[in-house]
Amino acid sequence: MKILGISAYYHDAAAALIIDGEIVAAAQEERFTRTKHDPGFPAHAVRFCLDFAGLKPVDLDYVAFYDKPFLKFERLLETYLAFAPRGFTSFRQALPLWIKEKLFQKSMLVKQLGAALDPGVDWNGKLLFSEHHLSHAASAFYPSPFEKAAILTMDGVGEWTTTSLAHGNGSSLEVLKEIHFPHSLGLLYSAFTYYTGFKVNSGEYKVMGLAPYGEPRYAKAIREHLIDIKDDGSFRINLDYFDYCTGLRMTNERFDALFGGPPRSPESRLGQKEMDLAASVQAVTEEVVLKLASSVAKETGERNLCLAGGVALNCVANGKLLRTGAFDRIWIQPAAGDAGGALGAALGAYHMFKGGPRRLAGAGRDAMKGGYLGPVFDTATICEQLTAAGAVYEILDDDAIVDRCARALASGMAIGWHQGRMEFGPRALGARSVLGDPRSPTMQKLLNLKVKFRESFRPFAPSVLRENVPEWFDLDADSPYMLLVADVRPEHRIAMTPEQQALFGIDKLNIARSSIPAVTHVDYSARIQTVHADTNPRYHALISDFVT
């Protein structure tokens, strides 16, 4: 059975192909169009999936879409009616788009599938629609290495659901509890993303990276005024401080008054206030995640946990959750956001709709193939492209490439590393990566400002051989997708003097905090990728050569 999954029309459009339950190919549209978080129909990703598998469009049994547009419109309409006449301006702007396109997404999908693949295929008869959070849950459980597991999904909002607790067993998946819009942990985090001057739906990871530079001075105010957190992790948002239900902004004037002024202008200088706000919302988010996880552990009795949804990309919260011991093992879908919904829709259709059998990868490994599910290019194609670009190049065998790159890294050079299949999801995992020497005290700033052209405070992640993880970090678990944060071990740290500790947040970047300063955040933490010889042998060989 061949099922194509699609996510589109909001952000992070993607396509994924499964054949008899096996994940064959998956890619985000942004990797082809170079439009960050591309929301459009994933025509390039769809064509890639079929081409990679050698399939014709007519060979597909089903096409599964990751959410239900009519339920989304129901939420939009009921929300505006509940708050009327407030929000009429926003409603007036949203309604024409819904009437023109979004209410008729099935016909639009049929049209775009025909344009991208084959207009002669009966796409209408092949289309299936999943619920948004069910797609997230399926993307988390079915590729996991667990026969049975609790499942926690958290994001901004799908149709109505913002948080769900579920249980997976073999091919079955049952949703146990849900929290509905407008009460959303993801939207709370996005509100602070907006207020600190970053872009909603793409800047949340910047807030997470900024948090260690601050102190959670506003956490008490958040708990007292913005969110009511219960012992089981369920919560309610105080909508008096937010404008996302009815307006065109995330927050309102009352929110501004609570935190002492209007939102930061996006291009203005970051101050201590923004750092403290980031630390505060991060602390509150971690509290909710840990309580929710504890609750689902008690409810299901499971010792394994699967995570998905945009909040599951908060690797700091994930690391703290693992350390609580509430679960023995945690597995996080690497494309935890909406891109992963394409994969979850296809897997859900196969297992839940068609009753397909589940086959575990075995040996405690997951079914994501290291996340390497995208396009691969042979030497002839690469040479053709380089020649057309007028590049000067040299062809080396694998051993020579590894040796030369390892020596270049050791000499302080940055490397563009392109090999094998492209990663699926938002992380670069050793297939399409920028690499540098973690021992360099200037590498983080250099790569941020001169190579990646992004904020200097943004941390870089260490890629470490799985067998060497406990030697360097307070972690002894697999983290192949860069979704767990752990501390650098004490023997590798360099204590900061009181004068250095007193420096303004970002000024601490210039202080070497460990023997691997380029990947050590200001709080001595690191976002770890464990590298495994069986999933990425060439990258494993490069790191092995570098460390010796």
Protein backbone atom coordinates (compact mmCIF):
# COMPACT_ATOMS: atom_id res chain seq x y z
CA MET A 1 0.00 0.00 0.00
CA LYS A 2 1.40 3.36 -1.08
CA ILE A 3 0.26 6.47 0.81
CA LEU A 4 1.42 10.04 0.27
CA GLY A 5 1.07 12.44 3.20
CA ILE A 6 0.83 16.20 2.75
CA SER A 7 0.94 19.23 5.05
CA ALA A 8 0.36 22.67 3.56
CA TYR A 9 -1.32 26.09 3.65
CA TYR A 10 -0.18 27.23 7.11
CA HIS A 11 3.58 26.86 7.52
CA ASP A 12 6.28 24.23 6.98
CA ALA A 13 4.62 22.49 4.04
CA ALA A 14 5.94 18.99 3.40
CA ALA A 15 5.29 15.64 1.75
CA ALA A 16 6.03 12.11 2.93
CA LEU A 17 5.67 8.71 1.27
CA ILE A 18 5.15 5.38 3.02
CA ILE A 19 4.94 1.99 1.33
CA ASP A 20 3.41 -0.86 3.36
CA GLY A 21 4.10 1.10 6.53
CA GLU A 22 7.78 1.82 5.75
CA ILE A 23 8.88 5.44 5.56
CA VAL A 24 10.47 5.76 2.11
CA ALA A 25 10.86 9.51 1.56
CA ALA A 26 9.98 12.83 3.19
CA ALA A 27 10.97 16.44 2.58
CA GLN A 28 9.94 20.00 3.41
CA GLU A 29 9.03 22.28 0.55
CA GLU A 30 11.36 25.02 1.85
CA ARG A 31 14.37 22.85 1.00
CA PHE A 32 13.46 23.13 -2.69
CA THR A 33 12.08 26.67 -2.95
CA ARG A 34 14.54 28.29 -0.48
CA THR A 35 11.53 30.07 1.09
CA LYS A 36 11.84 29.62 4.85
CA HIS A 37 8.77 27.88 6.33
CA ASP A 38 7.20 27.78 2.86
CA PRO A 39 3.43 27.28 3.46
CA GLY A 40 2.34 26.59 -0.12
CA PHE A 41 1.34 23.34 -1.73
CA PRO A 42 4.52 21.17 -1.60
CA ALA A 43 4.72 20.45 -5.32
CA HIS A 44 8.50 19.90 -5.33
CA ALA A 45 8.43 17.67 -2.26
CA VAL A 46 5.53 15.62 -3.69
CA ARG A 47 7.34 15.07 -6.98
CA PHE A 48 10.55 14.14 -5.18
CA CYS A 49 8.80 11.48 -3.07
CA LEU A 50 7.32 9.74 -6.10
CA ASP A 51 10.45 10.06 -8.21
CA PHE A 52 12.64 8.67 -5.44
CA ALA A 53 10.43 5.59 -5.12
CA GLY A 54 10.06 5.18 -8.88
CA LEU A 55 6.28 5.51 -8.65
CA LYS A 56 3.77 6.92 -11.09
CA PRO A 57 0.98 9.11 -9.66
CA VAL A 58 -1.60 6.45 -10.48
CA ASP A 59 0.32 3.99 -8.26
CA LEU A 60 -0.68 5.87 -5.10
CA ASP A 61 -3.49 4.24 -3.14
CA TYR A 62 -4.25 7.28 -0.98
CA VAL A 63 -3.19 10.87 -0.35
CA ALA A 64 -3.61 11.88 3.31
CA PHE A 65 -3.88 15.54 4.33
CA TYR A 66 -2.75 16.45 7.83
CA ASP A 67 -5.79 18.33 9.13
CA LYS A 68 -9.49 19.05 8.57
CA PRO A 69 -10.19 22.48 7.05
CA PHE A 70 -13.89 22.53 7.96
CA LEU A 71 -13.10 22.04 11.64
CA LYS A 72 -10.59 24.89 11.46
CA PHE A 73 -13.22 27.14 9.92
CA GLU A 74 -15.67 26.11 12.64
CA ARG A 75 -13.14 27.21 15.26
CA LEU A 76 -12.50 30.50 13.46
CA LEU A 77 -16.21 31.26 13.12
CA GLU A 78 -17.17 30.25 16.67
CA THR A 79 -14.28 32.25 18.10
CA TYR A 80 -15.28 35.41 16.28
CA LEU A 81 -18.93 34.95 17.25
CA ALA A 82 -17.97 34.43 20.90
CA PHE A 83 -15.99 37.67 21.00
CA ALA A 84 -18.20 39.79 18.69
CA PRO A 85 -18.16 42.64 17.97
CA ARG A 86 -14.47 42.64 18.95
CA GLY A 87 -12.22 41.37 16.22
CA PHE A 88 -14.43 42.35 13.30
CA THR A 89 -11.45 43.83 11.42
CA SER A 90 -9.52 40.57 11.69
CA PHE A 91 -12.60 38.54 10.76
CA ARG A 92 -13.24 40.71 7.71
CA GLN A 93 -9.67 40.14 6.51
CA ALA A 94 -9.71 36.38 7.12
CA LEU A 95 -13.13 35.55 5.69
CA PRO A 96 -12.46 36.24 1.97
CA LEU A 97 -9.47 33.88 1.98
CA TRP A 98 -11.53 31.15 3.61
CA ILE A 99 -14.44 31.61 1.22
CA LYS A 100 -12.14 31.74 -1.80
CA GLU A 101 -9.74 28.92 -0.91
CA LYS A 102 -9.56 27.34 2.52
CA LEU A 103 -13.16 26.14 2.77
CA PHE A 104 -12.66 24.29 -0.49
CA GLN A 105 -9.26 22.76 0.21
CA LYS A 106 -10.33 19.37 -1.08
CA SER A 107 -11.00 20.76 -4.54
CA MET A 108 -7.85 22.87 -4.31
CA LEU A 109 -5.80 19.80 -3.36
CA VAL A 110 -7.29 17.86 -6.28
CA LYS A 111 -6.37 20.69 -8.63
CA GLN A 112 -2.83 21.08 -7.31
CA LEU A 113 -2.15 17.34 -7.23
CA GLY A 114 -3.24 17.23 -10.85
CA ALA A 115 -0.97 20.14 -11.77
CA ALA A 116 2.03 18.73 -9.87
CA LEU A 117 1.62 15.07 -10.85
CA ASP A 118 -1.10 13.97 -13.27
CA PRO A 119 -4.46 15.65 -14.00
CA GLY A 120 -5.86 12.37 -15.30
CA VAL A 121 -5.78 10.62 -11.92
CA ASP A 122 -8.94 10.53 -9.78
CA TRP A 123 -7.39 12.43 -6.88
CA ASN A 124 -10.79 13.12 -5.36
CA GLY A 125 -11.25 9.41 -4.75
CA LYS A 126 -7.82 9.02 -3.16
CA LEU A 127 -7.97 11.91 -0.65
CA LEU A 128 -8.20 11.30 3.10
CA PHE A 129 -8.20 13.91 5.87
CA SER A 130 -6.72 13.41 9.34
CA GLU A 131 -7.15 15.63 12.39
CA HIS A 132 -4.17 17.87 13.11
CA HIS A 133 -3.22 16.50 16.52
CA LEU A 134 -3.91 12.94 15.47
CA SER A 135 -1.35 13.50 12.68
CA HIS A 136 1.13 14.76 15.27
CA ALA A 137 0.49 11.80 17.57
CA ALA A 138 0.83 9.31 14.70
CA SER A 139 4.10 10.92 13.60
CA ALA A 140 5.42 10.51 17.14
CA PHE A 141 4.31 6.96 17.94
CA TYR A 142 4.45 4.89 14.77
CA PRO A 143 8.12 5.62 13.86
CA SER A 144 9.20 5.30 17.51
CA PRO A 145 11.12 2.24 18.76
CA PHE A 146 8.34 1.44 21.26
CA GLU A 147 5.67 -1.26 21.03
CA LYS A 148 3.68 0.67 23.65
CA ALA A 149 4.00 4.30 24.74
CA ALA A 150 2.30 7.36 26.14
CA ILE A 151 2.06 10.19 23.60
CA LEU A 152 2.08 13.91 24.37
CA THR A 153 1.51 16.47 21.60
CA MET A 154 1.68 20.23 22.15
CA ASP A 155 1.55 23.10 19.67
CA GLY A 156 -0.19 26.40 18.94
CA VAL A 157 -3.49 25.04 17.66
CA GLY A 158 -4.75 22.55 15.12
CA GLU A 159 -8.48 22.57 14.43
CA TRP A 160 -9.50 22.99 18.10
CA THR A 161 -6.89 20.97 19.99
CA THR A 162 -3.74 22.59 21.38
CA THR A 163 -2.54 19.75 23.64
CA SER A 164 -3.38 16.07 23.63
CA LEU A 165 -2.54 13.03 25.72
CA ALA A 166 -2.74 9.69 23.93
CA HIS A 167 -1.75 6.05 24.23
CA GLY A 168 -0.23 3.86 21.53
CA ASN A 169 -0.13 0.09 21.50
CA GLY A 170 1.01 -1.80 18.40
CA SER A 171 -1.02 -0.42 15.50
CA SER A 172 -3.64 1.26 17.69
CA LEU A 173 -3.56 4.85 18.89
CA GLU A 174 -6.16 6.31 21.26
CA VAL A 175 -6.47 9.96 22.29
CA LEU A 176 -7.28 10.14 26.00
CA LYS A 177 -7.51 13.84 26.81
CA GLU A 178 -7.34 17.18 25.00
CA ILE A 179 -6.97 20.85 25.82
CA HIS A 180 -8.72 23.13 23.34
CA PHE A 181 -8.22 26.60 21.88
CA PRO A 182 -7.85 29.34 23.05
CA HIS A 183 -5.91 27.69 25.89
CA SER A 184 -2.56 26.92 24.32
CA LEU A 185 0.96 26.53 25.65
CA GLY A 186 2.31 27.05 22.14
CA LEU A 187 0.42 30.32 21.72
CA LEU A 188 1.61 31.52 25.14
CA TYR A 189 5.21 30.93 24.00
CA SER A 190 4.45 32.59 20.66
CA ALA A 191 3.03 35.61 22.49
CA PHE A 192 6.39 36.12 24.18
CA THR A 193 8.13 35.47 20.87
CA TYR A 194 6.11 38.35 19.42
CA TYR A 195 6.62 40.58 22.47
CA THR A 196 10.41 40.10 22.49
CA GLY A 197 10.58 41.15 18.84
CA PHE A 198 10.86 37.82 17.00
CA LYS A 199 8.63 36.35 14.32
CA VAL A 200 5.82 34.05 15.42
CA ASN A 201 6.01 30.46 14.08
CA SER A 202 9.71 30.76 13.34
CA GLY A 203 11.34 32.73 16.16
CA GLU A 204 10.35 30.55 19.12
CA TYR A 205 13.68 28.72 19.07
CA LYS A 206 15.40 32.13 19.32
CA VAL A 207 13.52 32.77 22.57
CA MET A 208 14.67 29.37 23.85
CA GLY A 209 18.27 30.21 22.90
CA LEU A 210 18.00 33.64 24.55
CA ALA A 211 16.61 32.30 27.84
CA PRO A 212 19.96 31.29 29.47
CA TYR A 213 21.14 34.90 29.24
CA GLY A 214 18.37 36.02 31.57
CA GLU A 215 16.75 35.32 34.92
CA PRO A 216 13.09 34.19 35.26
CA ARG A 217 12.10 37.43 36.99
CA TYR A 218 8.71 37.53 35.29
CA ALA A 219 7.74 33.89 35.88
CA LYS A 220 5.67 34.75 38.95
CA ALA A 221 3.75 37.41 37.00
CA ILE A 222 3.10 34.92 34.19
CA ARG A 223 1.72 32.35 36.63
CA GLU A 224 -0.38 34.91 38.52
CA HIS A 225 -1.82 36.79 35.55
CA LEU A 226 -1.49 34.83 32.30
CA ILE A 227 -1.84 31.09 32.92
CA ASP A 228 -3.53 28.99 35.61
CA ILE A 229 -1.59 25.73 35.88
CA LYS A 230 -3.16 22.76 37.64
CA ASP A 231 -1.29 19.92 39.34
CA ASP A 232 -1.91 17.57 36.41
CA GLY A 233 -0.46 20.07 33.93
CA SER A 234 -3.81 21.17 32.51
CA PHE A 235 -4.07 24.93 32.22
CA ARG A 236 -6.20 27.89 31.24
CA ILE A 237 -5.00 31.09 29.59
CA ASN A 238 -6.28 34.46 30.87
CA LEU A 239 -7.46 35.98 27.59
CA ASP A 240 -7.64 39.49 29.10
CA TYR A 241 -3.96 39.88 28.20
CA PHE A 242 -3.98 38.46 24.67
CA ASP A 243 -5.29 39.50 21.28
CA TYR A 244 -4.77 36.31 19.24
CA CYS A 245 -8.46 35.34 19.35
CA THR A 246 -9.81 38.50 17.77
CA GLY A 247 -7.00 40.73 16.61
CA LEU A 248 -4.00 40.91 14.40
CA ARG A 249 -1.49 40.83 17.27
CA MET A 250 -0.57 38.21 19.84
CA THR A 251 -0.75 40.53 22.86
CA ASN A 252 -2.61 43.69 23.86
CA GLU A 253 -2.17 46.88 25.89
CA ARG A 254 -2.87 45.11 29.19
CA PHE A 255 -0.01 42.69 28.44
CA ASP A 256 2.19 45.71 27.67
CA ALA A 257 1.30 47.30 31.00
CA LEU A 258 2.05 44.10 32.92
CA PHE A 259 5.57 43.91 31.49
CA GLY A 260 6.37 47.60 31.39
CA GLY A 261 6.02 48.75 27.80
CA PRO A 262 5.28 47.88 24.18
CA PRO A 263 6.86 44.94 22.30
CA ARG A 264 10.49 45.24 21.22
CA SER A 265 10.95 46.47 17.66
CA PRO A 266 12.31 43.51 15.67
CA GLU A 267 15.59 45.13 14.65
CA SER A 268 16.31 46.99 17.90
CA ARG A 269 19.01 45.99 20.38
CA LEU A 270 18.20 43.15 22.73
CA GLY A 271 18.20 44.18 26.37
CA GLN A 272 18.17 42.46 29.74
CA LYS A 273 14.38 42.71 29.82
CA GLU A 274 14.01 40.51 26.73
CA MET A 275 16.47 38.00 28.16
CA ASP A 276 14.55 37.84 31.43
CA LEU A 277 11.23 37.50 29.61
CA ALA A 278 12.66 34.61 27.58
CA ALA A 279 13.95 32.92 30.73
CA SER A 280 10.57 33.40 32.40
CA VAL A 281 8.34 31.95 29.69
CA GLN A 282 10.83 29.10 29.26
CA ALA A 283 10.58 28.29 32.99
CA VAL A 284 6.77 28.31 32.89
CA THR A 285 6.73 26.16 29.75
CA GLU A 286 9.01 23.62 31.38
CA GLU A 287 6.72 23.50 34.42
CA VAL A 288 3.68 22.74 32.26
CA VAL A 289 5.51 20.13 30.16
CA LEU A 290 6.84 18.31 33.21
CA LYS A 291 3.44 18.26 34.92
CA LEU A 292 1.67 17.08 31.76
CA ALA A 293 4.23 14.31 31.30
CA SER A 294 3.88 13.21 34.91
CA SER A 295 0.11 13.13 34.48
CA VAL A 296 0.20 11.00 31.31
CA ALA A 297 2.69 8.64 32.98
CA LYS A 298 0.25 8.05 35.84
CA GLU A 299 -2.74 7.78 33.52
CA THR A 300 -1.23 5.23 31.14
CA GLY A 301 1.26 3.46 33.37
CA GLU A 302 3.73 3.54 30.50
CA ARG A 303 7.50 3.95 30.87
CA ASN A 304 8.01 5.15 27.28
CA LEU A 305 6.96 8.59 26.02
CA CYS A 306 6.62 9.96 22.47
CA LEU A 307 6.51 13.71 21.78
CA ALA A 308 5.42 15.81 18.79
CA GLY A 309 3.95 19.21 17.98
CA GLY A 310 5.90 22.46 17.79
CA VAL A 311 6.46 22.63 21.57
CA ALA A 312 8.29 19.28 21.35
CA LEU A 313 11.08 21.14 19.54
CA ASN A 314 11.86 22.80 22.88
CA CYS A 315 14.91 20.65 23.52
CA VAL A 316 15.64 22.33 26.88
CA ALA A 317 12.28 21.19 28.26
CA ASN A 318 12.85 17.75 26.70
CA GLY A 319 16.19 17.36 28.45
CA LYS A 320 14.72 18.29 31.82
CA LEU A 321 11.82 15.91 31.24
CA LEU A 322 14.22 13.03 30.60
CA ARG A 323 16.13 13.84 33.80
CA THR A 324 12.97 13.72 35.95
CA GLY A 325 12.81 9.95 35.49
CA ALA A 326 9.06 10.06 34.87
CA PHE A 327 9.82 7.88 31.84
CA ASP A 328 12.64 5.47 31.14
CA ARG A 329 12.87 6.46 27.48
CA ILE A 330 11.67 9.42 25.44
CA TRP A 331 11.43 9.59 21.65
CA ILE A 332 10.76 12.86 19.84
CA GLN A 333 9.67 13.14 16.22
CA PRO A 334 12.52 15.12 14.53
CA ALA A 335 10.03 16.96 12.30
CA ALA A 336 7.85 17.69 15.32
CA GLY A 337 6.13 20.74 13.78
CA ASP A 338 3.65 20.88 10.94
CA ALA A 339 6.07 19.28 8.46
CA GLY A 340 5.86 16.08 10.47
CA GLY A 341 2.08 16.22 10.12
CA ALA A 342 2.51 15.02 6.53
CA LEU A 343 4.25 11.90 7.77
CA GLY A 344 1.75 11.42 10.60
CA ALA A 345 -1.22 11.70 8.23
CA ALA A 346 0.21 8.97 5.99
CA LEU A 347 1.12 6.69 8.91
CA GLY A 348 -2.26 7.24 10.55
CA ALA A 349 -4.05 6.39 7.32
CA TYR A 350 -2.07 3.17 6.97
CA HIS A 351 -2.35 1.93 10.56
CA MET A 352 -5.64 3.37 11.79
CA PHE A 353 -7.75 3.69 8.66
CA LYS A 354 -6.54 0.63 6.76
CA GLY A 355 -5.43 -1.50 9.72
CA GLY A 356 -1.92 -2.04 8.38
CA PRO A 357 0.48 -4.03 10.59
CA ARG A 358 3.24 -2.24 12.46
CA ARG A 359 6.84 -3.35 12.07
CA LEU A 360 9.34 -2.04 14.61
CA ALA A 361 12.83 -1.19 13.35
CA GLY A 362 14.41 -3.42 16.02
CA ALA A 363 17.52 -3.09 18.19
CA GLY A 364 15.89 -0.16 19.98
CA ARG A 365 16.13 2.03 16.89
CA ASP A 366 13.40 4.16 15.33
CA ALA A 367 12.01 3.97 11.80
CA MET A 368 13.12 7.46 10.70
CA LYS A 369 16.41 6.22 9.18
CA GLY A 370 18.32 8.91 11.03
CA GLY A 371 16.06 11.56 9.49
CA TYR A 372 17.86 11.09 6.17
CA LEU A 373 14.73 10.87 4.01
CA GLY A 374 15.30 13.56 1.38
CA PRO A 375 17.04 13.77 -1.99
CA VAL A 376 20.50 12.37 -2.69
CA PHE A 377 22.79 13.45 -5.56
CA ASP A 378 25.32 11.30 -7.38
CA THR A 379 28.82 12.48 -8.28
CA ALA A 380 27.97 13.12 -11.93
CA THR A 381 25.09 15.43 -11.02
CA ILE A 382 27.18 17.33 -8.50
CA CYS A 383 30.02 17.80 -10.99
CA GLU A 384 27.56 19.02 -13.61
CA GLN A 385 26.21 21.65 -11.23
CA LEU A 386 29.66 22.76 -10.09
CA THR A 387 30.88 23.08 -13.66
CA ALA A 388 27.83 25.12 -14.63
CA ALA A 389 28.52 27.43 -11.69
CA GLY A 390 32.14 27.91 -12.73
CA ALA A 391 33.42 26.32 -9.52
CA VAL A 392 36.91 24.89 -9.11
CA TYR A 393 36.65 21.42 -7.61
CA GLU A 394 38.52 18.21 -6.99
CA ILE A 395 37.12 14.67 -6.73
CA LEU A 396 38.42 12.59 -3.80
CA ASP A 397 37.56 9.17 -2.44
CA ASP A 398 35.81 8.81 0.92
CA ASP A 399 38.96 8.34 2.98
CA ALA A 400 40.62 11.39 1.44
CA ILE A 401 37.51 13.54 1.94
CA VAL A 402 37.28 12.58 5.61
CA ASP A 403 41.00 13.18 6.19
CA ARG A 404 41.12 16.54 4.44
CA CYS A 405 37.95 17.82 6.13
CA ALA A 406 39.12 16.70 9.58
CA ARG A 407 42.44 18.51 9.10
CA ALA A 408 40.67 21.62 7.84
CA LEU A 409 38.39 21.67 10.90
CA ALA A 410 41.35 21.19 13.23
CA SER A 411 43.09 24.18 11.61
CA GLY A 412 40.14 26.46 12.39
CA MET A 413 38.35 26.42 9.05
CA ALA A 414 34.57 26.15 8.62
CA ILE A 415 33.30 23.35 6.37
CA GLY A 416 30.21 23.07 4.21
CA TRP A 417 29.30 19.38 4.55
CA HIS A 418 26.98 17.93 1.88
CA GLN A 419 26.62 14.15 1.59
CA GLY A 420 24.00 11.43 1.47
CA ARG A 421 20.26 12.05 1.72
CA MET A 422 18.94 15.40 2.95
CA GLU A 423 17.50 15.63 6.46
CA PHE A 424 13.74 15.82 7.07
CA GLY A 425 12.79 18.46 9.60
CA PRO A 426 14.34 21.68 10.91
CA ARG A 427 17.68 20.29 12.11
CA ALA A 428 20.90 19.88 10.12
CA LEU A 429 22.15 16.43 11.16
CA GLY A 430 25.35 15.87 9.24
CA ALA A 431 24.00 15.71 5.71
CA ARG A 432 23.55 19.41 4.87
CA SER A 433 25.56 21.11 7.61
CA VAL A 434 28.01 23.89 8.41
CA LEU A 435 30.77 22.46 10.61
CA GLY A 436 33.40 24.04 12.83
CA ASP A 437 35.87 23.21 15.58
CA PRO A 438 34.05 23.22 18.97
CA ARG A 439 37.31 24.07 20.75
CA SER A 440 37.52 27.49 19.08
CA PRO A 441 36.44 30.39 21.36
CA THR A 442 35.49 32.50 18.34
CA MET A 443 33.78 29.90 16.12
CA GLN A 444 30.23 30.49 17.43
CA LYS A 445 30.35 34.24 16.81
CA LEU A 446 32.14 33.83 13.47
CA LEU A 447 29.64 31.35 12.05
CA ASN A 448 26.61 33.28 13.32
CA LEU A 449 27.64 36.68 11.99
CA LYS A 450 29.69 35.90 8.88
CA VAL A 451 28.35 32.58 7.59
CA LYS A 452 24.77 32.15 8.77
CA PHE A 453 24.01 35.89 9.14
CA ARG A 454 21.98 35.46 12.31
CA GLU A 455 21.97 36.71 15.90
CA SER A 456 25.31 36.26 17.67
CA PHE A 457 23.72 34.74 20.79
CA ARG A 458 22.41 31.68 18.92
CA PRO A 459 24.10 28.48 20.16
CA PHE A 460 25.62 25.77 17.98
CA ALA A 461 25.08 22.09 18.64
CA PRO A 462 27.81 19.50 19.23
CA SER A 463 27.79 16.39 17.08
CA VAL A 464 29.34 13.67 19.24
CA LEU A 465 29.94 9.97 18.70
CA ARG A 466 27.28 8.08 20.64
CA GLU A 467 29.92 6.04 22.42
CA ASN A 468 31.62 9.22 23.70
CA VAL A 469 28.55 11.09 24.97
CA PRO A 470 28.93 10.31 28.72
CA GLU A 471 32.57 11.43 28.58
CA TRP A 472 31.56 14.98 27.66
CA PHE A 473 27.98 15.52 28.81
CA ASP A 474 25.62 14.64 31.66
CA LEU A 475 23.72 12.33 29.35
CA ASP A 476 23.87 8.66 28.44
CA ALA A 477 21.05 8.30 25.93
CA ASP A 478 20.48 8.53 22.20
CA SER A 479 19.81 12.04 20.88
CA PRO A 480 20.17 11.56 17.10
CA TYR A 481 17.94 14.49 16.19
CA MET A 482 19.43 17.24 18.35
CA LEU A 483 16.32 17.37 20.55
CA LEU A 484 17.80 16.93 24.02
CA VAL A 485 19.82 19.46 25.99
CA ALA A 486 22.25 18.37 28.71
CA ASP A 487 25.04 20.03 30.67
CA VAL A 488 28.73 19.83 29.82
CA ARG A 489 30.42 17.66 32.43
CA PRO A 490 32.11 19.61 35.26
CA GLU A 491 35.64 18.47 34.37
CA HIS A 492 35.35 20.18 30.97
CA ARG A 493 33.98 23.47 32.30
CA ILE A 494 35.90 26.67 32.96
CA ALA A 495 34.50 28.54 35.95
CA MET A 496 33.59 32.17 35.28
CA THR A 497 34.92 34.80 37.67
CA PRO A 498 32.49 37.07 39.55
CA GLU A 499 33.46 39.88 37.17
CA GLN A 500 32.65 37.71 34.16
CA GLN A 501 29.38 36.58 35.71
CA ALA A 502 28.41 40.23 36.12
CA LEU A 503 28.80 40.99 32.41
CA PHE A 504 25.73 41.92 30.35
CA GLY A 505 24.19 38.72 28.98
CA ILE A 506 25.49 38.59 25.41
CA ASP A 507 28.93 39.91 26.46
CA LYS A 508 29.42 36.53 28.12
CA LEU A 509 29.74 35.05 24.63
CA ASN A 510 33.35 36.20 24.54
CA ILE A 511 34.20 34.26 27.70
CA ALA A 512 35.42 30.67 27.22
CA ARG A 513 33.14 28.57 29.44
CA SER A 514 34.59 25.13 28.71
CA SER A 515 37.18 23.29 26.64
CA ILE A 516 34.53 23.19 23.88
CA PRO A 517 33.31 26.82 24.05
CA ALA A 518 31.76 26.96 20.56
CA VAL A 519 29.05 24.50 21.63
CA THR A 520 28.73 25.42 25.32
CA HIS A 521 25.87 27.79 26.07
CA VAL A 522 26.22 30.44 28.78
CA ASP A 523 24.51 28.13 31.30
CA TYR A 524 27.00 25.30 30.50
CA SER A 525 24.39 23.39 28.50
CA ALA A 526 24.58 21.97 24.99
CA ARG A 527 22.00 20.76 22.43
CA ILE A 528 23.41 17.35 21.64
CA GLN A 529 23.35 15.27 18.48
CA THR A 530 24.54 11.71 18.95
CA VAL A 531 26.13 10.32 15.78
CA HIS A 532 25.72 6.61 15.01
CA ALA A 533 27.95 4.64 12.67
CA ASP A 534 25.07 2.63 11.21
CA THR A 535 22.93 5.63 10.21
CA ASN A 536 25.60 8.10 9.02
CA PRO A 537 28.92 6.25 8.57
CA ARG A 538 30.71 9.04 6.69
CA TYR A 539 29.88 11.67 9.32
CA HIS A 540 30.84 9.21 12.06
CA ALA A 541 34.17 8.66 10.29
CA LEU A 542 34.79 12.41 10.03
CA ILE A 543 34.25 12.96 13.75
CA SER A 544 36.36 9.91 14.60
CA ASP A 545 39.21 11.26 12.47
CA PHE A 546 38.85 14.75 13.96
CA VAL A 547 38.97 13.62 17.60
CA THR A 548 42.04 11.46 17.00
